[in-house]
Amino acid sequence: MREESGLHNLILRIANGDPRAQVECDALAREPLRRFITGHRGSAFSEEDVQEIVDQTIFTIFLHASEYRGLHGEGSAWQWAYEIARNQAHKWYRVLQRAVPFPDLDARNESGDEKDFTLAAIHYNPNLDTNTV
């Protein structure tokens, strides 16, 4: 008996514990998810970021496959996958917005020892409690 390989059926198979379905799902969904992320906020992400978002999306699909209801078949499956991808992209975007560059101690001709590290941390966070550093 031939198993259907659409995303809807793959998610249902993953939910039932079929390890082959995970491999097939990854192969089927990776490129469409990459295109979706690139089109959604492509200029905000590097290629590595997009790859990480896709990886996280596929992992989340695997992790939550048992929660998938898919009342409308294949359309529901892709809508669910794209919603997960969009949420992962938003999370990643928020992380990128909060990223604070760390000082390059070597570029400032400092030794990089613990004292210099503490001074740099204080410089970038003046409210830092130095008793905890």
Foldseek 3Di string as FASTA:
>chain_A
DDQDLFLQSLLVVLLVPDPVSLVSNCVVCQVVLLVLLCVVPVVLDDPVLSNVLSVVLSVVSSVCSNVQDCPPGRVSSVVVSSVSSVVSSVVSSVVVVPDDDQDDCVVVVHPPDPVVNLVSVCVVPVVDDSVVD
